[in-house]
Amino acid sequence: MQRLIVLPQLETPHTRIRLAEEADAAKLLRYRVENRAHLAPWEPLRETEYYTLEHCVKTIVGGYDNAMHDRGYPLVAFDHAEQAILATCNFANLVRGAFQACHLGYGVDARMQGKGLMREVLQVGIAWAFGELHLHRIMANYLPRNERSAKLLASLGFEREGYAKRYLQIAGVWEDHILTALIGPGG
């Protein structure tokens, strides 16, 4: 069955959430550069190319292609004037069929940390994913030392499902992760 792809245009009290467009590449680059040190402990090592305008355009085009093929939805949360990126919310690795699930990744601008913005963005994004995408399960994994993510995911209803040793390479080191999931309404 062919799915009708509906690209999100979401709003929260502080953000507008959508897929980035090529015209947003400079904003994505600014977000990456300004948050490089802040996000480095939680992400894979990044090549120098990652912090270029060309790579940002490539990322945006690839994200749009993923959405068009229902493989993933890399959402970006802008301020209401859409002048700056405040957070990212990525529904990745979508699997259809009997699974109807994806992985959730997210990040927030260092200046917005501790203000409830990431929770605000994720609440709306998750509701969209369960509603428009008809997902059954959203999985989110975090480093055991990432207390902010642990509290955030728990507050959103994610339940711990396991502990994976040397699960992902983060900042150049194979790191253990706590595995969590949220089951959609009616699931």
N, C-alpha and C. Protein backbone atom coordinates (compact mmCIF):
# COMPACT_ATOMS: atom_id res chain seq x y z
N MET A 1 0.83 -1.18 0.00
CA MET A 1 0.00 0.00 0.00
C MET A 1 0.88 1.25 0.00
N GLN A 2 0.66 2.15 -0.90
CA GLN A 2 1.40 3.41 -0.99
C GLN A 2 0.92 4.37 0.10
N ARG A 3 1.84 4.90 0.88
CA ARG A 3 1.49 5.85 1.94
C ARG A 3 1.52 7.27 1.38
N LEU A 4 0.56 8.07 1.77
CA LEU A 4 0.57 9.49 1.46
C LEU A 4 1.49 10.16 2.47
N ILE A 5 2.54 10.79 2.01
CA ILE A 5 3.51 11.43 2.88
C ILE A 5 3.01 12.82 3.24
N VAL A 6 2.84 13.06 4.52
CA VAL A 6 2.40 14.36 5.01
C VAL A 6 3.55 14.99 5.79
N LEU A 7 4.13 16.05 5.24
CA LEU A 7 5.23 16.70 5.93
C LEU A 7 4.68 17.60 7.03
N PRO A 8 5.26 17.51 8.19
CA PRO A 8 4.72 18.23 9.34
C PRO A 8 4.97 19.74 9.30
N GLN A 9 4.02 20.47 9.79
CA GLN A 9 4.14 21.89 10.09
C GLN A 9 3.55 22.04 11.49
N LEU A 10 4.38 21.88 12.50
CA LEU A 10 3.92 21.83 13.88
C LEU A 10 4.31 23.11 14.62
N GLU A 11 3.54 23.42 15.63
CA GLU A 11 3.86 24.59 16.46
C GLU A 11 3.74 24.23 17.93
N THR A 12 4.59 24.85 18.71
CA THR A 12 4.52 24.78 20.17
C THR A 12 4.49 26.24 20.65
N PRO A 13 4.34 26.46 21.93
CA PRO A 13 4.36 27.85 22.40
C PRO A 13 5.63 28.62 22.03
N HIS A 14 6.75 27.91 21.85
CA HIS A 14 8.02 28.59 21.58
C HIS A 14 8.66 28.25 20.24
N THR A 15 8.09 27.31 19.48
CA THR A 15 8.77 26.87 18.25
C THR A 15 7.81 26.62 17.09
N ARG A 16 8.42 26.55 15.91
CA ARG A 16 7.80 26.01 14.70
C ARG A 16 8.67 24.83 14.30
N ILE A 17 8.02 23.69 14.06
CA ILE A 17 8.74 22.45 13.80
C ILE A 17 8.39 21.95 12.40
N ARG A 18 9.43 21.65 11.62
CA ARG A 18 9.25 21.16 10.26
C ARG A 18 10.55 20.55 9.78
N LEU A 19 10.51 19.97 8.58
CA LEU A 19 11.74 19.55 7.94
C LEU A 19 12.49 20.81 7.49
N ALA A 20 13.78 20.78 7.57
CA ALA A 20 14.58 21.89 7.07
C ALA A 20 14.52 21.89 5.54
N GLU A 21 14.64 23.07 4.97
CA GLU A 21 14.70 23.25 3.52
C GLU A 21 16.10 23.74 3.17
N GLU A 22 16.47 23.65 1.91
CA GLU A 22 17.81 24.07 1.50
C GLU A 22 18.10 25.51 1.92
N ALA A 23 17.09 26.36 1.92
CA ALA A 23 17.27 27.75 2.33
C ALA A 23 17.64 27.87 3.81
N ASP A 24 17.47 26.80 4.57
CA ASP A 24 17.80 26.80 6.00
C ASP A 24 19.22 26.33 6.28
N ALA A 25 20.00 26.05 5.24
CA ALA A 25 21.33 25.47 5.43
C ALA A 25 22.23 26.34 6.29
N ALA A 26 22.20 27.64 6.12
CA ALA A 26 23.05 28.52 6.93
C ALA A 26 22.63 28.47 8.40
N LYS A 27 21.33 28.34 8.66
CA LYS A 27 20.85 28.23 10.04
C LYS A 27 21.31 26.92 10.66
N LEU A 28 21.27 25.84 9.88
CA LEU A 28 21.73 24.55 10.37
C LEU A 28 23.23 24.61 10.67
N LEU A 29 23.98 25.24 9.79
CA LEU A 29 25.42 25.37 10.02
C LEU A 29 25.68 26.16 11.30
N ARG A 30 24.97 27.25 11.50
CA ARG A 30 25.15 28.05 12.72
C ARG A 30 24.84 27.20 13.96
N TYR A 31 23.75 26.43 13.91
CA TYR A 31 23.39 25.55 15.04
C TYR A 31 24.51 24.55 15.31
N ARG A 32 25.03 23.92 14.25
CA ARG A 32 26.09 22.93 14.42
C ARG A 32 27.35 23.54 15.02
N VAL A 33 27.77 24.67 14.47
CA VAL A 33 29.01 25.31 14.92
C VAL A 33 28.87 25.81 16.36
N GLU A 34 27.76 26.49 16.65
CA GLU A 34 27.57 27.05 17.99
C GLU A 34 27.39 25.98 19.05
N ASN A 35 26.95 24.79 18.67
CA ASN A 35 26.69 23.72 19.64
C ASN A 35 27.69 22.57 19.55
N ARG A 36 28.76 22.81 18.84
CA ARG A 36 29.75 21.75 18.62
C ARG A 36 30.25 21.16 19.93
N ALA A 37 30.72 21.97 20.84
CA ALA A 37 31.25 21.47 22.12
C ALA A 37 30.13 20.91 22.99
N HIS A 38 28.99 21.55 22.97
CA HIS A 38 27.85 21.13 23.79
C HIS A 38 27.34 19.73 23.41
N LEU A 39 27.29 19.44 22.11
CA LEU A 39 26.74 18.16 21.65
C LEU A 39 27.79 17.06 21.49
N ALA A 40 29.06 17.43 21.43
CA ALA A 40 30.13 16.45 21.17
C ALA A 40 30.13 15.24 22.11
N PRO A 41 29.87 15.38 23.41
CA PRO A 41 29.90 14.20 24.29
C PRO A 41 28.79 13.20 24.03
N TRP A 42 27.77 13.58 23.25
CA TRP A 42 26.59 12.74 23.06
C TRP A 42 26.45 12.24 21.63
N GLU A 43 27.38 12.60 20.76
CA GLU A 43 27.26 12.27 19.33
C GLU A 43 28.49 11.52 18.83
N PRO A 44 28.38 10.92 17.65
CA PRO A 44 29.57 10.34 17.01
C PRO A 44 30.60 11.43 16.72
N LEU A 45 31.85 11.02 16.53
CA LEU A 45 32.86 11.99 16.10
C LEU A 45 32.43 12.58 14.77
N ARG A 46 32.65 13.85 14.60
CA ARG A 46 32.27 14.55 13.36
C ARG A 46 33.51 14.96 12.59
N GLU A 47 33.50 14.68 11.29
CA GLU A 47 34.57 15.14 10.42
C GLU A 47 34.45 16.66 10.25
N THR A 48 35.52 17.30 9.85
CA THR A 48 35.52 18.74 9.63
C THR A 48 34.44 19.13 8.61
N GLU A 49 34.22 18.27 7.63
CA GLU A 49 33.23 18.53 6.58
C GLU A 49 31.83 18.74 7.16
N TYR A 50 31.53 18.11 8.29
CA TYR A 50 30.22 18.22 8.92
C TYR A 50 29.88 19.68 9.23
N TYR A 51 30.89 20.48 9.48
CA TYR A 51 30.72 21.88 9.84
C TYR A 51 30.91 22.80 8.64
N THR A 52 30.39 22.38 7.48
CA THR A 52 30.42 23.21 6.28
C THR A 52 29.01 23.40 5.74
N LEU A 53 28.83 24.46 5.01
CA LEU A 53 27.53 24.74 4.40
C LEU A 53 27.15 23.63 3.42
N GLU A 54 28.12 23.12 2.69
CA GLU A 54 27.86 22.06 1.72
C GLU A 54 27.31 20.80 2.40
N HIS A 55 27.88 20.46 3.54
CA HIS A 55 27.40 19.28 4.26
C HIS A 55 25.99 19.51 4.81
N CYS A 56 25.72 20.72 5.25
CA CYS A 56 24.38 21.05 5.75
C CYS A 56 23.35 20.90 4.64
N VAL A 57 23.67 21.37 3.44
CA VAL A 57 22.76 21.21 2.30
C VAL A 57 22.56 19.73 2.01
N LYS A 58 23.64 18.96 2.01
CA LYS A 58 23.56 17.51 1.77
C LYS A 58 22.68 16.84 2.82
N THR A 59 22.82 17.23 4.07
CA THR A 59 22.01 16.67 5.16
C THR A 59 20.53 16.99 4.94
N ILE A 60 20.24 18.21 4.58
CA ILE A 60 18.85 18.64 4.37
C ILE A 60 18.23 17.89 3.20
N VAL A 61 18.96 17.78 2.10
CA VAL A 61 18.45 17.05 0.92
C VAL A 61 18.24 15.58 1.28
N GLY A 62 19.18 14.98 1.99
CA GLY A 62 19.04 13.59 2.40
C GLY A 62 17.86 13.37 3.34
N GLY A 63 17.64 14.32 4.23
CA GLY A 63 16.51 14.23 5.15
C GLY A 63 15.18 14.32 4.43
N TYR A 64 15.11 15.20 3.47
CA TYR A 64 13.88 15.34 2.68
C TYR A 64 13.63 14.05 1.90
N ASP A 65 14.69 13.47 1.33
CA ASP A 65 14.56 12.21 0.59
C ASP A 65 14.08 11.09 1.52
N ASN A 66 14.62 11.04 2.73
CA ASN A 66 14.17 10.04 3.70
C ASN A 66 12.69 10.20 4.00
N ALA A 67 12.24 11.43 4.18
CA ALA A 67 10.83 11.68 4.46
C ALA A 67 9.96 11.29 3.27
N MET A 68 10.39 11.62 2.08
CA MET A 68 9.60 11.29 0.89
C MET A 68 9.46 9.78 0.70
N HIS A 69 10.43 9.03 1.21
CA HIS A 69 10.40 7.57 1.10
C HIS A 69 9.97 6.91 2.42
N ASP A 70 9.48 7.72 3.36
CA ASP A 70 8.96 7.22 4.64
C ASP A 70 10.00 6.40 5.40
N ARG A 71 11.27 6.84 5.35
CA ARG A 71 12.35 6.17 6.07
C ARG A 71 12.73 6.90 7.35
N GLY A 72 12.44 8.19 7.40
CA GLY A 72 12.80 8.99 8.55
C GLY A 72 12.35 10.42 8.38
N TYR A 73 12.22 11.10 9.50
CA TYR A 73 11.73 12.48 9.50
C TYR A 73 12.61 13.32 10.43
N PRO A 74 13.66 13.95 9.87
CA PRO A 74 14.55 14.77 10.69
C PRO A 74 13.94 16.17 10.88
N LEU A 75 13.20 16.33 11.95
CA LEU A 75 12.51 17.59 12.19
C LEU A 75 13.43 18.59 12.87
N VAL A 76 13.17 19.86 12.57
CA VAL A 76 13.95 20.95 13.14
C VAL A 76 12.98 21.89 13.83
N ALA A 77 13.33 22.30 15.04
CA ALA A 77 12.51 23.26 15.78
C ALA A 77 13.16 24.64 15.68
N PHE A 78 12.45 25.54 15.01
CA PHE A 78 12.91 26.92 14.85
C PHE A 78 12.22 27.81 15.88
N ASP A 79 12.78 28.98 16.11
CA ASP A 79 12.03 30.00 16.85
C ASP A 79 10.84 30.39 15.96
N HIS A 80 9.86 31.12 16.50
CA HIS A 80 8.66 31.44 15.72
C HIS A 80 8.95 32.27 14.47
N ALA A 81 9.99 33.08 14.51
CA ALA A 81 10.37 33.87 13.33
C ALA A 81 11.19 33.06 12.34
N GLU A 82 11.52 31.82 12.71
CA GLU A 82 12.33 30.91 11.89
C GLU A 82 13.68 31.51 11.51
N GLN A 83 14.26 32.23 12.47
CA GLN A 83 15.58 32.82 12.27
C GLN A 83 16.69 31.94 12.83
N ALA A 84 16.34 31.05 13.77
CA ALA A 84 17.36 30.21 14.40
C ALA A 84 16.79 28.84 14.72
N ILE A 85 17.66 27.85 14.68
CA ILE A 85 17.30 26.49 15.09
C ILE A 85 17.54 26.38 16.59
N LEU A 86 16.51 25.94 17.29
CA LEU A 86 16.59 25.80 18.74
C LEU A 86 16.78 24.35 19.18
N ALA A 87 16.32 23.41 18.34
CA ALA A 87 16.42 21.99 18.70
C ALA A 87 16.20 21.14 17.46
N THR A 88 16.56 19.87 17.57
CA THR A 88 16.30 18.90 16.51
C THR A 88 15.58 17.70 17.12
N CYS A 89 14.79 17.04 16.29
CA CYS A 89 13.98 15.90 16.73
C CYS A 89 13.89 14.96 15.52
N ASN A 90 14.62 13.86 15.57
CA ASN A 90 14.76 13.00 14.41
C ASN A 90 14.09 11.65 14.63
N PHE A 91 13.06 11.37 13.85
CA PHE A 91 12.42 10.05 13.86
C PHE A 91 13.10 9.26 12.74
N ALA A 92 14.01 8.38 13.10
CA ALA A 92 14.90 7.72 12.14
C ALA A 92 14.65 6.21 12.08
N ASN A 93 15.19 5.61 11.03
CA ASN A 93 15.15 4.15 10.88
C ASN A 93 13.73 3.60 10.94
N LEU A 94 12.80 4.25 10.27
CA LEU A 94 11.41 3.77 10.28
C LEU A 94 11.32 2.38 9.68
N VAL A 95 10.60 1.52 10.36
CA VAL A 95 10.32 0.18 9.86
C VAL A 95 8.81 0.02 9.86
N ARG A 96 8.28 -0.37 8.73
CA ARG A 96 6.83 -0.57 8.60
C ARG A 96 6.52 -2.05 8.78
N GLY A 97 5.48 -2.53 8.15
CA GLY A 97 5.09 -3.93 8.29
C GLY A 97 4.59 -4.22 9.69
N ALA A 98 5.01 -5.34 10.24
CA ALA A 98 4.53 -5.76 11.56
C ALA A 98 5.13 -4.94 12.70
N PHE A 99 6.18 -4.16 12.42
CA PHE A 99 6.89 -3.44 13.49
C PHE A 99 6.33 -2.04 13.74
N GLN A 100 6.18 -1.24 12.69
CA GLN A 100 5.65 0.13 12.79
C GLN A 100 6.37 0.93 13.88
N ALA A 101 7.69 1.05 13.72
CA ALA A 101 8.50 1.65 14.76
C ALA A 101 9.62 2.52 14.19
N CYS A 102 10.25 3.28 15.06
CA CYS A 102 11.40 4.09 14.67
C CYS A 102 12.26 4.36 15.90
N HIS A 103 13.42 4.95 15.64
CA HIS A 103 14.29 5.44 16.70
C HIS A 103 14.14 6.95 16.78
N LEU A 104 14.25 7.48 17.96
CA LEU A 104 14.18 8.91 18.20
C LEU A 104 15.54 9.42 18.63
N GLY A 105 15.98 10.47 17.96
CA GLY A 105 17.19 11.19 18.37
C GLY A 105 16.84 12.66 18.51
N TYR A 106 17.54 13.37 19.37
CA TYR A 106 17.20 14.77 19.58
C TYR A 106 18.39 15.52 20.14
N GLY A 107 18.33 16.83 20.00
CA GLY A 107 19.35 17.70 20.56
C GLY A 107 18.76 19.08 20.75
N VAL A 108 19.32 19.83 21.68
CA VAL A 108 18.82 21.17 21.96
C VAL A 108 20.00 22.14 22.03
N ASP A 109 19.77 23.34 21.57
CA ASP A 109 20.76 24.41 21.63
C ASP A 109 21.21 24.58 23.08
N ALA A 110 22.49 24.75 23.31
CA ALA A 110 23.04 24.87 24.66
C ALA A 110 22.35 25.99 25.44
N ARG A 111 22.01 27.08 24.77
CA ARG A 111 21.38 28.22 25.47
C ARG A 111 19.95 27.93 25.89
N MET A 112 19.34 26.88 25.32
CA MET A 112 17.95 26.55 25.63
C MET A 112 17.83 25.42 26.64
N GLN A 113 18.96 24.85 27.04
CA GLN A 113 18.96 23.73 27.97
C GLN A 113 18.35 24.13 29.31
N GLY A 114 17.58 23.22 29.89
CA GLY A 114 17.02 23.45 31.22
C GLY A 114 15.78 24.32 31.25
N LYS A 115 15.23 24.64 30.09
CA LYS A 115 14.05 25.52 30.01
C LYS A 115 12.78 24.77 29.62
N GLY A 116 12.88 23.45 29.46
CA GLY A 116 11.71 22.67 29.08
C GLY A 116 11.41 22.65 27.60
N LEU A 117 12.29 23.26 26.80
CA LEU A 117 12.04 23.34 25.36
C LEU A 117 12.09 21.98 24.69
N MET A 118 13.05 21.15 25.05
CA MET A 118 13.16 19.84 24.39
C MET A 118 11.93 19.01 24.69
N ARG A 119 11.43 19.06 25.89
CA ARG A 119 10.21 18.33 26.25
C ARG A 119 9.03 18.85 25.43
N GLU A 120 8.93 20.15 25.29
CA GLU A 120 7.86 20.78 24.51
C GLU A 120 7.90 20.30 23.06
N VAL A 121 9.08 20.29 22.47
CA VAL A 121 9.25 19.86 21.08
C VAL A 121 8.94 18.37 20.93
N LEU A 122 9.47 17.55 21.84
CA LEU A 122 9.25 16.11 21.74
C LEU A 122 7.79 15.73 21.95
N GLN A 123 7.10 16.39 22.85
CA GLN A 123 5.68 16.08 23.06
C GLN A 123 4.90 16.24 21.76
N VAL A 124 5.09 17.33 21.08
CA VAL A 124 4.37 17.61 19.84
C VAL A 124 4.84 16.66 18.73
N GLY A 125 6.16 16.45 18.64
CA GLY A 125 6.70 15.55 17.62
C GLY A 125 6.23 14.12 17.79
N ILE A 126 6.23 13.64 19.02
CA ILE A 126 5.79 12.27 19.29
C ILE A 126 4.30 12.11 18.98
N ALA A 127 3.50 13.08 19.37
CA ALA A 127 2.06 13.02 19.05
C ALA A 127 1.86 12.97 17.55
N TRP A 128 2.64 13.74 16.80
CA TRP A 128 2.56 13.72 15.33
C TRP A 128 2.96 12.34 14.80
N ALA A 129 4.04 11.78 15.33
CA ALA A 129 4.53 10.48 14.83
C ALA A 129 3.52 9.37 15.09
N PHE A 130 2.91 9.37 16.27
CA PHE A 130 1.90 8.35 16.55
C PHE A 130 0.63 8.61 15.74
N GLY A 131 0.29 9.88 15.53
CA GLY A 131 -0.93 10.22 14.80
C GLY A 131 -0.77 10.11 13.29
N GLU A 132 -0.01 11.00 12.70
CA GLU A 132 0.13 11.06 11.24
C GLU A 132 0.87 9.87 10.65
N LEU A 133 1.90 9.42 11.36
CA LEU A 133 2.70 8.31 10.82
C LEU A 133 2.15 6.94 11.23
N HIS A 134 1.22 6.93 12.16
CA HIS A 134 0.60 5.69 12.64
C HIS A 134 1.65 4.71 13.18
N LEU A 135 2.65 5.25 13.87
CA LEU A 135 3.65 4.37 14.47
C LEU A 135 3.08 3.70 15.71
N HIS A 136 3.63 2.55 16.02
CA HIS A 136 3.23 1.80 17.21
C HIS A 136 4.25 1.99 18.34
N ARG A 137 5.52 2.12 17.97
CA ARG A 137 6.60 2.16 18.96
C ARG A 137 7.65 3.19 18.55
N ILE A 138 8.09 3.96 19.52
CA ILE A 138 9.22 4.87 19.32
C ILE A 138 10.27 4.49 20.35
N MET A 139 11.48 4.22 19.86
CA MET A 139 12.58 3.80 20.73
C MET A 139 13.59 4.93 20.87
N ALA A 140 14.06 5.15 22.08
CA ALA A 140 15.07 6.17 22.34
C ALA A 140 16.10 5.58 23.30
N ASN A 141 17.36 5.73 22.96
CA ASN A 141 18.43 5.15 23.75
C ASN A 141 19.35 6.27 24.22
N TYR A 142 19.90 6.12 25.42
CA TYR A 142 20.76 7.18 25.94
C TYR A 142 21.92 6.60 26.74
N LEU A 143 22.96 7.40 26.85
CA LEU A 143 24.12 7.02 27.65
C LEU A 143 23.74 6.99 29.12
N PRO A 144 24.19 6.00 29.88
CA PRO A 144 23.83 5.91 31.30
C PRO A 144 24.17 7.18 32.09
N ARG A 145 25.19 7.91 31.72
CA ARG A 145 25.56 9.12 32.44
C ARG A 145 24.74 10.35 32.03
N ASN A 146 23.89 10.21 31.02
CA ASN A 146 23.11 11.34 30.54
C ASN A 146 21.81 11.46 31.36
N GLU A 147 21.94 12.04 32.51
CA GLU A 147 20.81 12.15 33.44
C GLU A 147 19.67 13.01 32.88
N ARG A 148 20.02 14.03 32.11
CA ARG A 148 18.98 14.88 31.52
C ARG A 148 18.09 14.07 30.58
N SER A 149 18.70 13.26 29.73
CA SER A 149 17.91 12.44 28.82
C SER A 149 17.09 11.41 29.58
N ALA A 150 17.67 10.83 30.62
CA ALA A 150 16.93 9.84 31.41
C ALA A 150 15.67 10.47 31.99
N LYS A 151 15.79 11.64 32.58
CA LYS A 151 14.64 12.32 33.18
C LYS A 151 13.64 12.76 32.11
N LEU A 152 14.14 13.28 31.00
CA LEU A 152 13.27 13.75 29.93
C LEU A 152 12.44 12.60 29.37
N LEU A 153 13.10 11.51 29.02
CA LEU A 153 12.38 10.38 28.44
C LEU A 153 11.38 9.78 29.42
N ALA A 154 11.76 9.67 30.67
CA ALA A 154 10.83 9.15 31.68
C ALA A 154 9.61 10.06 31.81
N SER A 155 9.83 11.36 31.76
CA SER A 155 8.71 12.30 31.89
C SER A 155 7.76 12.21 30.70
N LEU A 156 8.25 11.72 29.58
CA LEU A 156 7.43 11.56 28.38
C LEU A 156 6.76 10.18 28.32
N GLY A 157 7.05 9.33 29.29
CA GLY A 157 6.43 8.01 29.34
C GLY A 157 7.26 6.88 28.77
N PHE A 158 8.49 7.14 28.35
CA PHE A 158 9.35 6.07 27.85
C PHE A 158 9.71 5.14 29.00
N GLU A 159 9.69 3.85 28.71
CA GLU A 159 10.02 2.85 29.72
C GLU A 159 11.32 2.15 29.35
N ARG A 160 12.11 1.88 30.38
CA ARG A 160 13.37 1.18 30.17
C ARG A 160 13.10 -0.25 29.74
N GLU A 161 13.78 -0.67 28.69
CA GLU A 161 13.61 -2.03 28.18
C GLU A 161 14.88 -2.86 28.21
N GLY A 162 16.00 -2.19 28.40
CA GLY A 162 17.23 -2.97 28.43
C GLY A 162 18.47 -2.12 28.56
N TYR A 163 19.58 -2.82 28.54
CA TYR A 163 20.90 -2.20 28.66
C TYR A 163 21.78 -2.85 27.60
N ALA A 164 22.29 -2.06 26.68
CA ALA A 164 23.11 -2.59 25.59
C ALA A 164 24.57 -2.19 25.78
N LYS A 165 25.43 -3.18 25.91
CA LYS A 165 26.86 -2.91 26.07
C LYS A 165 27.49 -2.52 24.73
N ARG A 166 28.35 -1.50 24.81
CA ARG A 166 29.09 -1.03 23.63
C ARG A 166 28.16 -0.90 22.42
N TYR A 167 27.05 -0.21 22.61
CA TYR A 167 25.97 -0.11 21.63
C TYR A 167 26.28 0.81 20.45
N LEU A 168 26.79 2.01 20.74
CA LEU A 168 27.11 2.98 19.69
C LEU A 168 28.46 3.61 19.97
N GLN A 169 29.11 4.05 18.88
CA GLN A 169 30.37 4.75 19.04
C GLN A 169 30.07 6.24 19.20
N ILE A 170 30.29 6.74 20.38
CA ILE A 170 30.02 8.13 20.73
C ILE A 170 31.34 8.81 21.08
N ALA A 171 31.60 9.94 20.45
CA ALA A 171 32.84 10.69 20.69
C ALA A 171 34.06 9.77 20.57
N GLY A 172 33.99 8.81 19.66
CA GLY A 172 35.12 7.92 19.38
C GLY A 172 35.24 6.70 20.28
N VAL A 173 34.29 6.50 21.19
CA VAL A 173 34.35 5.38 22.13
C VAL A 173 33.06 4.56 22.03
N TRP A 174 33.20 3.23 22.03
CA TRP A 174 32.01 2.39 22.05
C TRP A 174 31.38 2.48 23.43
N GLU A 175 30.17 3.02 23.46
CA GLU A 175 29.50 3.33 24.73
C GLU A 175 28.28 2.43 24.97
N ASP A 176 28.08 2.06 26.24
CA ASP A 176 26.86 1.37 26.65
C ASP A 176 25.69 2.35 26.54
N HIS A 177 24.49 1.82 26.33
CA HIS A 177 23.28 2.64 26.26
C HIS A 177 22.14 1.97 27.02
N ILE A 178 21.31 2.79 27.59
CA ILE A 178 20.05 2.33 28.17
C ILE A 178 19.00 2.43 27.06
N LEU A 179 18.27 1.32 26.86
CA LEU A 179 17.28 1.24 25.80
C LEU A 179 15.90 1.51 26.38
N THR A 180 15.17 2.43 25.76
CA THR A 180 13.82 2.74 26.21
C THR A 180 12.88 2.76 25.02
N ALA A 181 11.59 2.67 25.29
CA ALA A 181 10.59 2.74 24.24
C ALA A 181 9.29 3.32 24.79
N LEU A 182 8.54 3.88 23.87
CA LEU A 182 7.21 4.40 24.17
C LEU A 182 6.25 3.76 23.18
N ILE A 183 5.19 3.16 23.69
CA ILE A 183 4.19 2.52 22.85
C ILE A 183 3.07 3.52 22.62
N GLY A 184 2.58 3.58 21.39
CA GLY A 184 1.55 4.53 21.04
C GLY A 184 0.20 4.24 21.68
N PRO A 185 -0.67 5.23 21.63
CA PRO A 185 -2.02 5.04 22.18
C PRO A 185 -2.70 3.84 21.51
N GLY A 186 -3.38 3.07 22.30
CA GLY A 186 -4.08 1.91 21.76
C GLY A 186 -3.17 0.73 21.47
N GLY A 187 -1.87 0.85 21.82
CA GLY A 187 -0.92 -0.20 21.51
C GLY A 187 -0.87 -1.24 22.56
